[in-house]
Amino acid sequence: MRIEPGEQARAMGRRSGQARRRLDLERVTGELPPLDTPEHIRANYELIQRWGECGLLPGTIVNGLVRAADVALWLFETQLDLLRLKWLVSRIVDVERDLG
């Protein structure tokens, strides 16, 4: 099958356009999950990795987004720790009440 010059130019133009494609605010807010659950944080990491690997984001931006996800994960873990501590304090109060 012979490829016509016009078709080849269009195909090359499409590939070139895809290579230069950048992210815009609408796409980022539509595709990047919120950092509100461990599952979303994981999906966020994976999407950032893919965007970085295919050149849609420069490394400095990838690093900043990963740092934001790291902090969100740390805050989520801290919230879980605080809930566990509150439960333990309530158990201690109950035991002290039963003993006293």
PDB file of N, CA and C in Angstrom:
ATOM      1  N   MET A   1       0.837  -1.170   0.000  1.00  0.00           N
ATOM      2  CA  MET A   1       0.000   0.000   0.000  1.00  0.00           C
ATOM      3  C   MET A   1       0.889   1.243   0.000  1.00  0.00           C
ATOM      4  N   ARG A   2       0.617   2.132  -0.877  1.00  0.00           N
ATOM      5  CA  ARG A   2       1.404   3.350  -1.019  1.00  0.00           C
ATOM      6  C   ARG A   2       0.773   4.462  -0.183  1.00  0.00           C
ATOM      7  N   ILE A   3       1.607   5.173   0.590  1.00  0.00           N
ATOM      8  CA  ILE A   3       1.121   6.299   1.386  1.00  0.00           C
ATOM      9  C   ILE A   3       1.294   7.562   0.567  1.00  0.00           C
ATOM     10  N   GLU A   4       0.202   8.277   0.413  1.00  0.00           N
ATOM     11  CA  GLU A   4       0.239   9.527  -0.331  1.00  0.00           C
ATOM     12  C   GLU A   4       1.002  10.578   0.465  1.00  0.00           C
ATOM     13  N   PRO A   5       1.730  11.470  -0.212  1.00  0.00           N
ATOM     14  CA  PRO A   5       2.500  12.509   0.489  1.00  0.00           C
ATOM     15  C   PRO A   5       1.658  13.359   1.434  1.00  0.00           C
ATOM     16  N   GLY A   6       0.450  13.701   1.050  1.00  0.00           N
ATOM     17  CA  GLY A   6      -0.423  14.507   1.917  1.00  0.00           C
ATOM     18  C   GLY A   6      -0.796  13.772   3.187  1.00  0.00           C
ATOM     19  N   GLU A   7      -1.079  12.467   3.069  1.00  0.00           N
ATOM     20  CA  GLU A   7      -1.419  11.664   4.244  1.00  0.00           C
ATOM     21  C   GLU A   7      -0.230  11.554   5.179  1.00  0.00           C
ATOM     22  N   GLN A   8       0.932  11.335   4.621  1.00  0.00           N
ATOM     23  CA  GLN A   8       2.140  11.205   5.431  1.00  0.00           C
ATOM     24  C   GLN A   8       2.413  12.514   6.177  1.00  0.00           C
ATOM     25  N   ALA A   9       2.254  13.627   5.518  1.00  0.00           N
ATOM     26  CA  ALA A   9       2.472  14.923   6.159  1.00  0.00           C
ATOM     27  C   ALA A   9       1.477  15.134   7.296  1.00  0.00           C
ATOM     28  N   ARG A  10       0.213  14.763   7.084  1.00  0.00           N
ATOM     29  CA  ARG A  10      -0.797  14.899   8.142  1.00  0.00           C
ATOM     30  C   ARG A  10      -0.453  14.010   9.333  1.00  0.00           C
ATOM     31  N   ALA A  11      -0.043  12.769   9.054  1.00  0.00           N
ATOM     32  CA  ALA A  11       0.319  11.851  10.140  1.00  0.00           C
ATOM     33  C   ALA A  11       1.520  12.379  10.922  1.00  0.00           C
ATOM     34  N   MET A  12       2.509  12.886  10.210  1.00  0.00           N
ATOM     35  CA  MET A  12       3.682  13.446  10.881  1.00  0.00           C
ATOM     36  C   MET A  12       3.293  14.692  11.681  1.00  0.00           C
ATOM     37  N   GLY A  13       2.399  15.479  11.170  1.00  0.00           N
ATOM     38  CA  GLY A  13       1.922  16.661  11.889  1.00  0.00           C
ATOM     39  C   GLY A  13       1.192  16.290  13.167  1.00  0.00           C
ATOM     40  N   ARG A  14       0.367  15.239  13.093  1.00  0.00           N
ATOM     41  CA  ARG A  14      -0.336  14.772  14.293  1.00  0.00           C
ATOM     42  C   ARG A  14       0.654  14.301  15.347  1.00  0.00           C
ATOM     43  N   ARG A  15       1.656  13.501  14.928  1.00  0.00           N
ATOM     44  CA  ARG A  15       2.667  13.014  15.875  1.00  0.00           C
ATOM     45  C   ARG A  15       3.449  14.178  16.479  1.00  0.00           C
ATOM     46  N   SER A  16       3.783  15.149  15.670  1.00  0.00           N
ATOM     47  CA  SER A  16       4.513  16.319  16.159  1.00  0.00           C
ATOM     48  C   SER A  16       3.666  17.108  17.153  1.00  0.00           C
ATOM     49  N   GLY A  17       2.397  17.262  16.854  1.00  0.00           N
ATOM     50  CA  GLY A  17       1.500  17.977  17.757  1.00  0.00           C
ATOM     51  C   GLY A  17       1.337  17.264  19.081  1.00  0.00           C
ATOM     52  N   GLN A  18       1.238  15.948  19.026  1.00  0.00           N
ATOM     53  CA  GLN A  18       1.109  15.180  20.265  1.00  0.00           C
ATOM     54  C   GLN A  18       2.364  15.299  21.107  1.00  0.00           C
ATOM     55  N   ALA A  19       3.522  15.330  20.473  1.00  0.00           N
ATOM     56  CA  ALA A  19       4.780  15.447  21.214  1.00  0.00           C
ATOM     57  C   ALA A  19       4.883  16.811  21.900  1.00  0.00           C
ATOM     58  N   ARG A  20       4.310  17.859  21.306  1.00  0.00           N
ATOM     59  CA  ARG A  20       4.385  19.195  21.885  1.00  0.00           C
ATOM     60  C   ARG A  20       3.195  19.521  22.787  1.00  0.00           C
ATOM     61  N   ARG A  21       2.287  18.599  22.903  1.00  0.00           N
ATOM     62  CA  ARG A  21       1.080  18.826  23.699  1.00  0.00           C
ATOM     63  C   ARG A  21       1.458  19.090  25.161  1.00  0.00           C
ATOM     64  N   ARG A  22       0.808  20.036  25.773  1.00  0.00           N
ATOM     65  CA  ARG A  22       1.049  20.380  27.165  1.00  0.00           C
ATOM     66  C   ARG A  22      -0.245  20.241  27.950  1.00  0.00           C
ATOM     67  N   LEU A  23      -0.085  20.207  29.238  1.00  0.00           N
ATOM     68  CA  LEU A  23      -1.245  20.150  30.115  1.00  0.00           C
ATOM     69  C   LEU A  23      -1.774  21.553  30.344  1.00  0.00           C
ATOM     70  N   ASP A  24      -3.096  21.672  30.444  1.00  0.00           N
ATOM     71  CA  ASP A  24      -3.692  22.943  30.819  1.00  0.00           C
ATOM     72  C   ASP A  24      -4.487  22.728  32.107  1.00  0.00           C
ATOM     73  N   LEU A  25      -4.920  23.824  32.706  1.00  0.00           N
ATOM     74  CA  LEU A  25      -5.601  23.759  33.992  1.00  0.00           C
ATOM     75  C   LEU A  25      -6.841  22.877  33.940  1.00  0.00           C
ATOM     76  N   GLU A  26      -7.610  22.969  32.868  1.00  0.00           N
ATOM     77  CA  GLU A  26      -8.827  22.169  32.743  1.00  0.00           C
ATOM     78  C   GLU A  26      -8.508  20.668  32.762  1.00  0.00           C
ATOM     79  N   ARG A  27      -7.489  20.284  32.021  1.00  0.00           N
ATOM     80  CA  ARG A  27      -7.124  18.864  31.973  1.00  0.00           C
ATOM     81  C   ARG A  27      -6.578  18.390  33.322  1.00  0.00           C
ATOM     82  N   VAL A  28      -5.732  19.203  33.930  1.00  0.00           N
ATOM     83  CA  VAL A  28      -5.152  18.814  35.224  1.00  0.00           C
ATOM     84  C   VAL A  28      -6.245  18.659  36.270  1.00  0.00           C
ATOM     85  N   THR A  29      -7.136  19.637  36.370  1.00  0.00           N
ATOM     86  CA  THR A  29      -8.194  19.546  37.380  1.00  0.00           C
ATOM     87  C   THR A  29      -9.186  18.433  37.056  1.00  0.00           C
ATOM     88  N   GLY A  30      -9.326  18.084  35.795  1.00  0.00           N
ATOM     89  CA  GLY A  30     -10.241  17.011  35.424  1.00  0.00           C
ATOM     90  C   GLY A  30      -9.666  15.619  35.621  1.00  0.00           C
ATOM     91  N   GLU A  31      -8.347  15.481  35.478  1.00  0.00           N
ATOM     92  CA  GLU A  31      -7.732  14.160  35.518  1.00  0.00           C
ATOM     93  C   GLU A  31      -6.978  13.853  36.811  1.00  0.00           C
ATOM     94  N   LEU A  32      -6.401  14.870  37.446  1.00  0.00           N
ATOM     95  CA  LEU A  32      -5.603  14.630  38.645  1.00  0.00           C
ATOM     96  C   LEU A  32      -6.532  14.440  39.834  1.00  0.00           C
ATOM     97  N   PRO A  33      -6.475  13.271  40.492  1.00  0.00           N
ATOM     98  CA  PRO A  33      -7.398  13.021  41.597  1.00  0.00           C
ATOM     99  C   PRO A  33      -7.080  13.907  42.804  1.00  0.00           C
ATOM    100  N   PRO A  34      -8.090  14.159  43.628  1.00  0.00           N
ATOM    101  CA  PRO A  34      -7.838  14.923  44.857  1.00  0.00           C
ATOM    102  C   PRO A  34      -6.967  14.108  45.808  1.00  0.00           C
ATOM    103  N   LEU A  35      -6.354  14.784  46.737  1.00  0.00           N
ATOM    104  CA  LEU A  35      -5.455  14.110  47.677  1.00  0.00           C
ATOM    105  C   LEU A  35      -6.179  13.850  48.992  1.00  0.00           C
ATOM    106  N   ASP A  36      -7.337  13.196  48.922  1.00  0.00           N
ATOM    107  CA  ASP A  36      -8.173  13.032  50.106  1.00  0.00           C
ATOM    108  C   ASP A  36      -8.275  11.602  50.629  1.00  0.00           C
ATOM    109  N   THR A  37      -7.775  10.628  49.899  1.00  0.00           N
ATOM    110  CA  THR A  37      -7.770   9.242  50.373  1.00  0.00           C
ATOM    111  C   THR A  37      -6.466   8.587  49.919  1.00  0.00           C
ATOM    112  N   PRO A  38      -6.055   7.516  50.579  1.00  0.00           N
ATOM    113  CA  PRO A  38      -4.841   6.821  50.123  1.00  0.00           C
ATOM    114  C   PRO A  38      -4.955   6.343  48.674  1.00  0.00           C
ATOM    115  N   GLU A  39      -6.137   5.916  48.268  1.00  0.00           N
ATOM    116  CA  GLU A  39      -6.327   5.449  46.895  1.00  0.00           C
ATOM    117  C   GLU A  39      -6.130   6.586  45.897  1.00  0.00           C
ATOM    118  N   HIS A  40      -6.694   7.755  46.212  1.00  0.00           N
ATOM    119  CA  HIS A  40      -6.527   8.913  45.342  1.00  0.00           C
ATOM    120  C   HIS A  40      -5.068   9.373  45.304  1.00  0.00           C
ATOM    121  N   ILE A  41      -4.408   9.315  46.453  1.00  0.00           N
ATOM    122  CA  ILE A  41      -2.998   9.711  46.500  1.00  0.00           C
ATOM    123  C   ILE A  41      -2.174   8.778  45.618  1.00  0.00           C
ATOM    124  N   ARG A  42      -2.457   7.488  45.688  1.00  0.00           N
ATOM    125  CA  ARG A  42      -1.734   6.528  44.841  1.00  0.00           C
ATOM    126  C   ARG A  42      -2.000   6.810  43.360  1.00  0.00           C
ATOM    127  N   ALA A  43      -3.264   7.038  43.013  1.00  0.00           N
ATOM    128  CA  ALA A  43      -3.604   7.350  41.617  1.00  0.00           C
ATOM    129  C   ALA A  43      -2.922   8.644  41.177  1.00  0.00           C
ATOM    130  N   ASN A  44      -2.828   9.604  42.091  1.00  0.00           N
ATOM    131  CA  ASN A  44      -2.155  10.861  41.816  1.00  0.00           C
ATOM    132  C   ASN A  44      -0.681  10.613  41.480  1.00  0.00           C
ATOM    133  N   TYR A  45       0.002   9.823  42.312  1.00  0.00           N
ATOM    134  CA  TYR A  45       1.401   9.477  42.048  1.00  0.00           C
ATOM    135  C   TYR A  45       1.553   8.841  40.655  1.00  0.00           C
ATOM    136  N   GLU A  46       0.674   7.897  40.352  1.00  0.00           N
ATOM    137  CA  GLU A  46       0.786   7.173  39.083  1.00  0.00           C
ATOM    138  C   GLU A  46       0.575   8.096  37.888  1.00  0.00           C
ATOM    139  N   LEU A  47      -0.399   8.992  37.980  1.00  0.00           N
ATOM    140  CA  LEU A  47      -0.668   9.907  36.872  1.00  0.00           C
ATOM    141  C   LEU A  47       0.487  10.898  36.692  1.00  0.00           C
ATOM    142  N   ILE A  48       0.988  11.416  37.789  1.00  0.00           N
ATOM    143  CA  ILE A  48       2.137  12.327  37.722  1.00  0.00           C
ATOM    144  C   ILE A  48       3.326  11.623  37.081  1.00  0.00           C
ATOM    145  N   GLN A  49       3.544  10.358  37.453  1.00  0.00           N
ATOM    146  CA  GLN A  49       4.650   9.591  36.873  1.00  0.00           C
ATOM    147  C   GLN A  49       4.482   9.462  35.362  1.00  0.00           C
ATOM    148  N   ARG A  50       3.270   9.119  34.919  1.00  0.00           N
ATOM    149  CA  ARG A  50       3.036   8.974  33.475  1.00  0.00           C
ATOM    150  C   ARG A  50       3.234  10.293  32.741  1.00  0.00           C
ATOM    151  N   TRP A  51       2.699  11.377  33.315  1.00  0.00           N
ATOM    152  CA  TRP A  51       2.856  12.682  32.681  1.00  0.00           C
ATOM    153  C   TRP A  51       4.327  13.066  32.585  1.00  0.00           C
ATOM    154  N   GLY A  52       5.075  12.787  33.636  1.00  0.00           N
ATOM    155  CA  GLY A  52       6.500  13.102  33.615  1.00  0.00           C
ATOM    156  C   GLY A  52       7.252  12.255  32.605  1.00  0.00           C
ATOM    157  N   GLU A  53       6.936  10.961  32.556  1.00  0.00           N
ATOM    158  CA  GLU A  53       7.626  10.053  31.635  1.00  0.00           C
ATOM    159  C   GLU A  53       7.394  10.419  30.177  1.00  0.00           C
ATOM    160  N   CYS A  54       6.211  10.896  29.852  1.00  0.00           N
ATOM    161  CA  CYS A  54       5.930  11.207  28.448  1.00  0.00           C
ATOM    162  C   CYS A  54       6.249  12.663  28.106  1.00  0.00           C
ATOM    163  N   GLY A  55       6.823  13.395  29.058  1.00  0.00           N
ATOM    164  CA  GLY A  55       7.282  14.739  28.765  1.00  0.00           C
ATOM    165  C   GLY A  55       6.237  15.833  28.863  1.00  0.00           C
ATOM    166  N   LEU A  56       5.066  15.525  29.435  1.00  0.00           N
ATOM    167  CA  LEU A  56       4.046  16.551  29.586  1.00  0.00           C
ATOM    168  C   LEU A  56       4.357  17.504  30.738  1.00  0.00           C
ATOM    169  N   LEU A  57       5.213  17.072  31.651  1.00  0.00           N
ATOM    170  CA  LEU A  57       5.605  17.912  32.775  1.00  0.00           C
ATOM    171  C   LEU A  57       7.119  17.888  32.924  1.00  0.00           C
ATOM    172  N   PRO A  58       7.720  19.045  33.209  1.00  0.00           N
ATOM    173  CA  PRO A  58       9.155  19.051  33.486  1.00  0.00           C
ATOM    174  C   PRO A  58       9.433  18.437  34.859  1.00  0.00           C
ATOM    175  N   GLY A  59      10.644  17.982  35.059  1.00  0.00           N
ATOM    176  CA  GLY A  59      11.011  17.304  36.299  1.00  0.00           C
ATOM    177  C   GLY A  59      10.780  18.135  37.544  1.00  0.00           C
ATOM    178  N   THR A  60      11.012  19.443  37.480  1.00  0.00           N
ATOM    179  CA  THR A  60      10.809  20.270  38.668  1.00  0.00           C
ATOM    180  C   THR A  60       9.346  20.299  39.084  1.00  0.00           C
ATOM    181  N   ILE A  61       8.446  20.304  38.115  1.00  0.00           N
ATOM    182  CA  ILE A  61       7.015  20.290  38.423  1.00  0.00           C
ATOM    183  C   ILE A  61       6.616  18.919  38.972  1.00  0.00           C
ATOM    184  N   VAL A  62       7.153  17.863  38.375  1.00  0.00           N
ATOM    185  CA  VAL A  62       6.878  16.506  38.882  1.00  0.00           C
ATOM    186  C   VAL A  62       7.316  16.410  40.337  1.00  0.00           C
ATOM    187  N   ASN A  63       8.513  16.907  40.639  1.00  0.00           N
ATOM    188  CA  ASN A  63       8.997  16.854  42.023  1.00  0.00           C
ATOM    189  C   ASN A  63       8.074  17.616  42.970  1.00  0.00           C
ATOM    190  N   GLY A  64       7.597  18.781  42.556  1.00  0.00           N
ATOM    191  CA  GLY A  64       6.681  19.549  43.394  1.00  0.00           C
ATOM    192  C   GLY A  64       5.359  18.834  43.624  1.00  0.00           C
ATOM    193  N   LEU A  65       4.838  18.208  42.581  1.00  0.00           N
ATOM    194  CA  LEU A  65       3.572  17.476  42.719  1.00  0.00           C
ATOM    195  C   LEU A  65       3.734  16.237  43.593  1.00  0.00           C
ATOM    196  N   VAL A  66       4.862  15.562  43.461  1.00  0.00           N
ATOM    197  CA  VAL A  66       5.133  14.395  44.309  1.00  0.00           C
ATOM    198  C   VAL A  66       5.254  14.840  45.761  1.00  0.00           C
ATOM    199  N   ARG A  67       5.914  15.963  45.987  1.00  0.00           N
ATOM    200  CA  ARG A  67       6.052  16.489  47.356  1.00  0.00           C
ATOM    201  C   ARG A  67       4.677  16.801  47.943  1.00  0.00           C
ATOM    202  N   ALA A  68       3.799  17.397  47.157  1.00  0.00           N
ATOM    203  CA  ALA A  68       2.441  17.687  47.635  1.00  0.00           C
ATOM    204  C   ALA A  68       1.708  16.401  48.000  1.00  0.00           C
ATOM    205  N   ALA A  69       1.861  15.364  47.177  1.00  0.00           N
ATOM    206  CA  ALA A  69       1.224  14.080  47.480  1.00  0.00           C
ATOM    207  C   ALA A  69       1.836  13.451  48.724  1.00  0.00           C
ATOM    208  N   ASP A  70       3.163  13.577  48.886  1.00  0.00           N
ATOM    209  CA  ASP A  70       3.828  13.058  50.090  1.00  0.00           C
ATOM    210  C   ASP A  70       3.267  13.717  51.347  1.00  0.00           C
ATOM    211  N   VAL A  71       3.108  15.038  51.296  1.00  0.00           N
ATOM    212  CA  VAL A  71       2.578  15.770  52.453  1.00  0.00           C
ATOM    213  C   VAL A  71       1.131  15.360  52.721  1.00  0.00           C
ATOM    214  N   ALA A  72       0.338  15.197  51.675  1.00  0.00           N
ATOM    215  CA  ALA A  72      -1.050  14.766  51.855  1.00  0.00           C
ATOM    216  C   ALA A  72      -1.105  13.384  52.508  1.00  0.00           C
ATOM    217  N   LEU A  73      -0.224  12.484  52.088  1.00  0.00           N
ATOM    218  CA  LEU A  73      -0.182  11.150  52.686  1.00  0.00           C
ATOM    219  C   LEU A  73       0.234  11.235  54.149  1.00  0.00           C
ATOM    220  N   TRP A  74       1.227  12.074  54.437  1.00  0.00           N
ATOM    221  CA  TRP A  74       1.671  12.257  55.811  1.00  0.00           C
ATOM    222  C   TRP A  74       0.535  12.797  56.673  1.00  0.00           C
ATOM    223  N   LEU A  75      -0.230  13.777  56.162  1.00  0.00           N
ATOM    224  CA  LEU A  75      -1.359  14.329  56.915  1.00  0.00           C
ATOM    225  C   LEU A  75      -2.436  13.279  57.149  1.00  0.00           C
ATOM    226  N   PHE A  76      -2.690  12.447  56.137  1.00  0.00           N
ATOM    227  CA  PHE A  76      -3.679  11.383  56.284  1.00  0.00           C
ATOM    228  C   PHE A  76      -3.238  10.410  57.379  1.00  0.00           C
ATOM    229  N   GLU A  77      -1.957  10.023  57.363  1.00  0.00           N
ATOM    230  CA  GLU A  77      -1.434   9.116  58.388  1.00  0.00           C
ATOM    231  C   GLU A  77      -1.518   9.746  59.778  1.00  0.00           C
ATOM    232  N   THR A  78      -1.246  11.032  59.868  1.00  0.00           N
ATOM    233  CA  THR A  78      -1.333  11.746  61.142  1.00  0.00           C
ATOM    234  C   THR A  78      -2.756  11.746  61.663  1.00  0.00           C
ATOM    235  N   GLN A  79      -3.725  11.956  60.782  1.00  0.00           N
ATOM    236  CA  GLN A  79      -5.127  11.927  61.193  1.00  0.00           C
ATOM    237  C   GLN A  79      -5.500  10.554  61.750  1.00  0.00           C
ATOM    238  N   LEU A  80      -5.021   9.507  61.090  1.00  0.00           N
ATOM    239  CA  LEU A  80      -5.295   8.154  61.590  1.00  0.00           C
ATOM    240  C   LEU A  80      -4.663   7.941  62.961  1.00  0.00           C
ATOM    241  N   ASP A  81      -3.430   8.422  63.127  1.00  0.00           N
ATOM    242  CA  ASP A  81      -2.756   8.300  64.428  1.00  0.00           C
ATOM    243  C   ASP A  81      -3.530   9.036  65.520  1.00  0.00           C
ATOM    244  N   LEU A  82      -4.019  10.237  65.213  1.00  0.00           N
ATOM    245  CA  LEU A  82      -4.775  11.003  66.198  1.00  0.00           C
ATOM    246  C   LEU A  82      -6.079  10.300  66.580  1.00  0.00           C
ATOM    247  N   LEU A  83      -6.745   9.714  65.594  1.00  0.00           N
ATOM    248  CA  LEU A  83      -7.973   8.964  65.899  1.00  0.00           C
ATOM    249  C   LEU A  83      -7.677   7.779  66.811  1.00  0.00           C
ATOM    250  N   ARG A  84      -6.594   7.103  66.528  1.00  0.00           N
ATOM    251  CA  ARG A  84      -6.207   5.958  67.364  1.00  0.00           C
ATOM    252  C   ARG A  84      -5.864   6.406  68.782  1.00  0.00           C
ATOM    253  N   LEU A  85      -5.166   7.533  68.902  1.00  0.00           N
ATOM    254  CA  LEU A  85      -4.832   8.063  70.225  1.00  0.00           C
ATOM    255  C   LEU A  85      -6.089   8.446  71.001  1.00  0.00           C
ATOM    256  N   LYS A  86      -7.052   9.068  70.327  1.00  0.00           N
ATOM    257  CA  LYS A  86      -8.310   9.429  70.991  1.00  0.00           C
ATOM    258  C   LYS A  86      -9.022   8.180  71.505  1.00  0.00           C
ATOM    259  N   TRP A  87      -9.003   7.129  70.695  1.00  0.00           N
ATOM    260  CA  TRP A  87      -9.641   5.884  71.113  1.00  0.00           C
ATOM    261  C   TRP A  87      -8.920   5.307  72.337  1.00  0.00           C
ATOM    262  N   LEU A  88      -7.581   5.337  72.312  1.00  0.00           N
ATOM    263  CA  LEU A  88      -6.816   4.814  73.450  1.00  0.00           C
ATOM    264  C   LEU A  88      -7.070   5.620  74.721  1.00  0.00           C
ATOM    265  N   VAL A  89      -7.137   6.928  74.600  1.00  0.00           N
ATOM    266  CA  VAL A  89      -7.432   7.770  75.766  1.00  0.00           C
ATOM    267  C   VAL A  89      -8.799   7.429  76.325  1.00  0.00           C
ATOM    268  N   SER A  90      -9.777   7.245  75.463  1.00  0.00           N
ATOM    269  CA  SER A  90     -11.119   6.903  75.951  1.00  0.00           C
ATOM    270  C   SER A  90     -11.104   5.533  76.637  1.00  0.00           C
ATOM    271  N   ARG A  91     -10.318   4.603  76.124  1.00  0.00           N
ATOM    272  CA  ARG A  91     -10.204   3.281  76.778  1.00  0.00           C
ATOM    273  C   ARG A  91      -9.572   3.404  78.156  1.00  0.00           C
ATOM    274  N   ILE A  92      -8.533   4.249  78.276  1.00  0.00           N
ATOM    275  CA  ILE A  92      -7.874   4.459  79.575  1.00  0.00           C
ATOM    276  C   ILE A  92      -8.854   5.078  80.566  1.00  0.00           C
ATOM    277  N   VAL A  93      -9.623   6.048  80.103  1.00  0.00           N
ATOM    278  CA  VAL A  93     -10.632   6.676  80.984  1.00  0.00           C
ATOM    279  C   VAL A  93     -11.638   5.627  81.435  1.00  0.00           C
ATOM    280  N   ASP A  94     -12.086   4.766  80.544  1.00  0.00           N
ATOM    281  CA  ASP A  94     -13.036   3.708  80.898  1.00  0.00           C
ATOM    282  C   ASP A  94     -12.437   2.743  81.921  1.00  0.00           C
ATOM    283  N   VAL A  95     -11.204   2.331  81.707  1.00  0.00           N
ATOM    284  CA  VAL A  95     -10.545   1.398  82.636  1.00  0.00           C
ATOM    285  C   VAL A  95     -10.359   2.051  83.997  1.00  0.00           C
ATOM    286  N   GLU A  96      -9.911   3.317  84.019  1.00  0.00           N
ATOM    287  CA  GLU A  96      -9.742   4.008  85.284  1.00  0.00           C
ATOM    288  C   GLU A  96     -11.065   4.148  86.009  1.00  0.00           C
ATOM    289  N   ARG A  97     -12.128   4.421  85.276  1.00  0.00           N
ATOM    290  CA  ARG A  97     -13.453   4.543  85.888  1.00  0.00           C
ATOM    291  C   ARG A  97     -13.877   3.196  86.479  1.00  0.00           C
ATOM    292  N   ASP A  98     -13.620   2.107  85.759  1.00  0.00           N
ATOM    293  CA  ASP A  98     -13.996   0.778  86.252  1.00  0.00           C
ATOM    294  C   ASP A  98     -13.175   0.383  87.479  1.00  0.00           C
ATOM    295  N   LEU A  99     -11.929   0.818  87.544  1.00  0.00           N
ATOM    296  CA  LEU A  99     -11.066   0.483  88.669  1.00  0.00           C
ATOM    297  C   LEU A  99     -11.354   1.351  89.893  1.00  0.00           C
ATOM    298  N   GLY A 100     -11.819   2.557  89.656  1.00  0.00           N
ATOM    299  CA  GLY A 100     -11.974   3.512  90.766  1.00  0.00           C
ATOM    300  C   GLY A 100     -13.325   3.519  91.301  1.00  0.00           C
TER     301      GLY A 100
END
